[in-house]
Amino acid sequence: MQDQVTVHALESTNILVGNGCSFGRHSLLHGGQDGTVEPKQITIVGDNVSVGVEGVLFRSKVGNGCSIGNRSYVDGCHLAAGTVVPANTVLVNDVNMGTVEW
């Protein structure tokens, strides 16, 4: 984990992180209530997942070997193993919503 990584779970929710994962500087890993995920969880991160610098991963399931690019925002997604989310991508409920503007 790089400096200034934030990991946050709301009360009675979970964040599960696999082995060999890496999180870039200023990245955010956030779990929270989501009625589409049972039990109402979470963020699940498989093994060997990388989240780039300033990447945001929120209420999602991420399979083994996924890569989330720098400054990308992933929310409410179910990423299959090996998925690559390019840098500066906004991905909400598995739909590419465009590019990050921050």
C-alpha atoms as a PDB file:
ATOM      1  CA  MET A   1       0.000   0.000   0.000  1.00  0.00           C
ATOM      2  CA  GLN A   2       1.282   3.432  -0.910  1.00  0.00           C
ATOM      3  CA  ASP A   3       1.040   6.455   1.386  1.00  0.00           C
ATOM      4  CA  GLN A   4      -2.317   8.062   2.060  1.00  0.00           C
ATOM      5  CA  VAL A   5      -4.502   5.116   1.001  1.00  0.00           C
ATOM      6  CA  THR A   6      -7.948   5.284   2.601  1.00  0.00           C
ATOM      7  CA  VAL A   7      -9.843   2.116   3.527  1.00  0.00           C
ATOM      8  CA  HIS A   8     -13.350   2.753   4.859  1.00  0.00           C
ATOM      9  CA  ALA A   9     -16.319   0.496   5.655  1.00  0.00           C
ATOM     10  CA  LEU A  10     -19.645   1.651   6.994  1.00  0.00           C
ATOM     11  CA  GLU A  11     -20.909   0.123  10.218  1.00  0.00           C
ATOM     12  CA  SER A  12     -21.900  -3.542   9.822  1.00  0.00           C
ATOM     13  CA  THR A  13     -20.338  -3.801   6.368  1.00  0.00           C
ATOM     14  CA  ASN A  14     -17.150  -5.523   5.274  1.00  0.00           C
ATOM     15  CA  ILE A  15     -14.192  -5.083   3.020  1.00  0.00           C
ATOM     16  CA  LEU A  16     -12.405  -8.270   2.043  1.00  0.00           C
ATOM     17  CA  VAL A  17      -9.001  -8.000   0.378  1.00  0.00           C
ATOM     18  CA  GLY A  18      -7.132 -10.922  -1.161  1.00  0.00           C
ATOM     19  CA  ASN A  19      -3.399 -11.598  -1.290  1.00  0.00           C
ATOM     20  CA  GLY A  20      -0.836  -9.746  -3.351  1.00  0.00           C
ATOM     21  CA  CYS A  21      -2.947  -6.623  -3.940  1.00  0.00           C
ATOM     22  CA  SER A  22      -1.521  -3.149  -4.426  1.00  0.00           C
ATOM     23  CA  PHE A  23      -3.090   0.245  -3.856  1.00  0.00           C
ATOM     24  CA  GLY A  24      -1.598   3.454  -5.253  1.00  0.00           C
ATOM     25  CA  ARG A  25      -1.067   6.737  -3.446  1.00  0.00           C
ATOM     26  CA  HIS A  26      -4.319   8.543  -2.580  1.00  0.00           C
ATOM     27  CA  SER A  27      -6.467   5.569  -3.636  1.00  0.00           C
ATOM     28  CA  LEU A  28      -9.758   4.877  -1.850  1.00  0.00           C
ATOM     29  CA  LEU A  29     -11.231   1.483  -1.029  1.00  0.00           C
ATOM     30  CA  HIS A  30     -14.768   1.951   0.288  1.00  0.00           C
ATOM     31  CA  GLY A  31     -17.395  -0.581   1.381  1.00  0.00           C
ATOM     32  CA  GLY A  32     -20.991   0.265   1.958  1.00  0.00           C
ATOM     33  CA  GLN A  33     -24.548  -0.935   1.894  1.00  0.00           C
ATOM     34  CA  ASP A  34     -25.668  -2.069  -1.512  1.00  0.00           C
ATOM     35  CA  GLY A  35     -29.001  -3.837  -1.947  1.00  0.00           C
ATOM     36  CA  THR A  36     -27.684  -5.727  -4.998  1.00  0.00           C
ATOM     37  CA  VAL A  37     -24.901  -7.509  -3.132  1.00  0.00           C
ATOM     38  CA  GLU A  38     -25.697 -10.184  -0.550  1.00  0.00           C
ATOM     39  CA  PRO A  39     -25.061 -10.067   2.249  1.00  0.00           C
ATOM     40  CA  LYS A  40     -25.316  -6.310   2.226  1.00  0.00           C
ATOM     41  CA  GLN A  41     -21.658  -5.632   2.014  1.00  0.00           C
ATOM     42  CA  ILE A  42     -19.029  -4.689   0.636  1.00  0.00           C
ATOM     43  CA  THR A  43     -16.088  -4.428  -1.477  1.00  0.00           C
ATOM     44  CA  ILE A  44     -14.482  -7.745  -2.303  1.00  0.00           C
ATOM     45  CA  VAL A  45     -11.052  -7.611  -3.824  1.00  0.00           C
ATOM     46  CA  GLY A  46      -9.574 -10.822  -5.211  1.00  0.00           C
ATOM     47  CA  ASP A  47      -5.928 -11.807  -5.274  1.00  0.00           C
ATOM     48  CA  ASN A  48      -3.318  -9.802  -7.214  1.00  0.00           C
ATOM     49  CA  VAL A  49      -5.589  -6.815  -7.827  1.00  0.00           C
ATOM     50  CA  SER A  50      -4.093  -3.382  -8.375  1.00  0.00           C
ATOM     51  CA  VAL A  51      -5.760  -0.025  -7.851  1.00  0.00           C
ATOM     52  CA  GLY A  52      -3.815   2.864  -9.353  1.00  0.00           C
ATOM     53  CA  VAL A  53      -2.895   6.247  -7.967  1.00  0.00           C
ATOM     54  CA  GLU A  54      -6.054   8.179  -6.951  1.00  0.00           C
ATOM     55  CA  GLY A  55      -8.225   5.210  -7.984  1.00  0.00           C
ATOM     56  CA  VAL A  56     -11.578   4.742  -6.230  1.00  0.00           C
ATOM     57  CA  LEU A  57     -13.163   1.337  -5.619  1.00  0.00           C
ATOM     58  CA  PHE A  58     -16.627   1.508  -4.028  1.00  0.00           C
ATOM     59  CA  ARG A  59     -19.239  -1.228  -3.288  1.00  0.00           C
ATOM     60  CA  SER A  60     -17.875  -3.644  -5.871  1.00  0.00           C
ATOM     61  CA  LYS A  61     -16.711  -7.211  -6.378  1.00  0.00           C
ATOM     62  CA  VAL A  62     -13.372  -7.460  -8.122  1.00  0.00           C
ATOM     63  CA  GLY A  63     -12.011 -10.749  -9.426  1.00  0.00           C
ATOM     64  CA  ASN A  64      -8.441 -12.010  -9.282  1.00  0.00           C
ATOM     65  CA  GLY A  65      -5.867 -10.162 -11.343  1.00  0.00           C
ATOM     66  CA  CYS A  66      -7.963  -7.073 -12.097  1.00  0.00           C
ATOM     67  CA  SER A  67      -6.295  -3.745 -12.687  1.00  0.00           C
ATOM     68  CA  ILE A  68      -7.995  -0.426 -11.990  1.00  0.00           C
ATOM     69  CA  GLY A  69      -6.147   2.440 -13.634  1.00  0.00           C
ATOM     70  CA  ASN A  70      -4.928   5.681 -12.132  1.00  0.00           C
ATOM     71  CA  ARG A  71      -7.735   8.122 -11.287  1.00  0.00           C
ATOM     72  CA  SER A  72     -10.477   5.657 -12.234  1.00  0.00           C
ATOM     73  CA  TYR A  73     -13.774   5.424 -10.345  1.00  0.00           C
ATOM     74  CA  VAL A  74     -15.440   1.994  -9.988  1.00  0.00           C
ATOM     75  CA  ASP A  75     -18.808   1.842  -8.175  1.00  0.00           C
ATOM     76  CA  GLY A  76     -21.296  -1.013  -7.853  1.00  0.00           C
ATOM     77  CA  CYS A  77     -19.464  -3.206 -10.335  1.00  0.00           C
ATOM     78  CA  HIS A  78     -18.795  -6.925 -10.635  1.00  0.00           C
ATOM     79  CA  LEU A  79     -15.466  -7.161 -12.448  1.00  0.00           C
ATOM     80  CA  ALA A  80     -14.556 -10.591 -13.807  1.00  0.00           C
ATOM     81  CA  ALA A  81     -11.051 -11.933 -13.191  1.00  0.00           C
ATOM     82  CA  GLY A  82      -8.444 -10.188 -15.320  1.00  0.00           C
ATOM     83  CA  THR A  83     -10.557  -7.122 -16.115  1.00  0.00           C
ATOM     84  CA  VAL A  84      -8.557  -3.994 -16.918  1.00  0.00           C
ATOM     85  CA  VAL A  85     -10.193  -0.633 -16.210  1.00  0.00           C
ATOM     86  CA  PRO A  86      -8.211   2.021 -18.107  1.00  0.00           C
ATOM     87  CA  ALA A  87      -6.927   5.145 -16.385  1.00  0.00           C
ATOM     88  CA  ASN A  88      -9.423   8.001 -15.872  1.00  0.00           C
ATOM     89  CA  THR A  89     -12.480   5.777 -16.444  1.00  0.00           C
ATOM     90  CA  VAL A  90     -15.822   6.128 -14.647  1.00  0.00           C
ATOM     91  CA  LEU A  91     -17.459   2.702 -14.334  1.00  0.00           C
ATOM     92  CA  VAL A  92     -20.822   2.573 -12.504  1.00  0.00           C
ATOM     93  CA  ASN A  93     -22.929  -0.605 -12.254  1.00  0.00           C
ATOM     94  CA  ASP A  94     -20.728  -2.174 -14.951  1.00  0.00           C
ATOM     95  CA  VAL A  95     -21.413   0.642 -17.427  1.00  0.00           C
ATOM     96  CA  ASN A  96     -18.661   2.927 -18.730  1.00  0.00           C
ATOM     97  CA  MET A  97     -19.927   6.417 -17.945  1.00  0.00           C
ATOM     98  CA  GLY A  98     -17.025   8.311 -19.506  1.00  0.00           C
ATOM     99  CA  THR A  99     -13.879   9.823 -18.084  1.00  0.00           C
ATOM    100  CA  VAL A 100     -12.971  11.260 -14.716  1.00  0.00           C
ATOM    101  CA  GLU A 101     -13.038  15.054 -14.643  1.00  0.00           C
ATOM    102  CA  TRP A 102     -11.263  15.682 -11.350  1.00  0.00           C
END
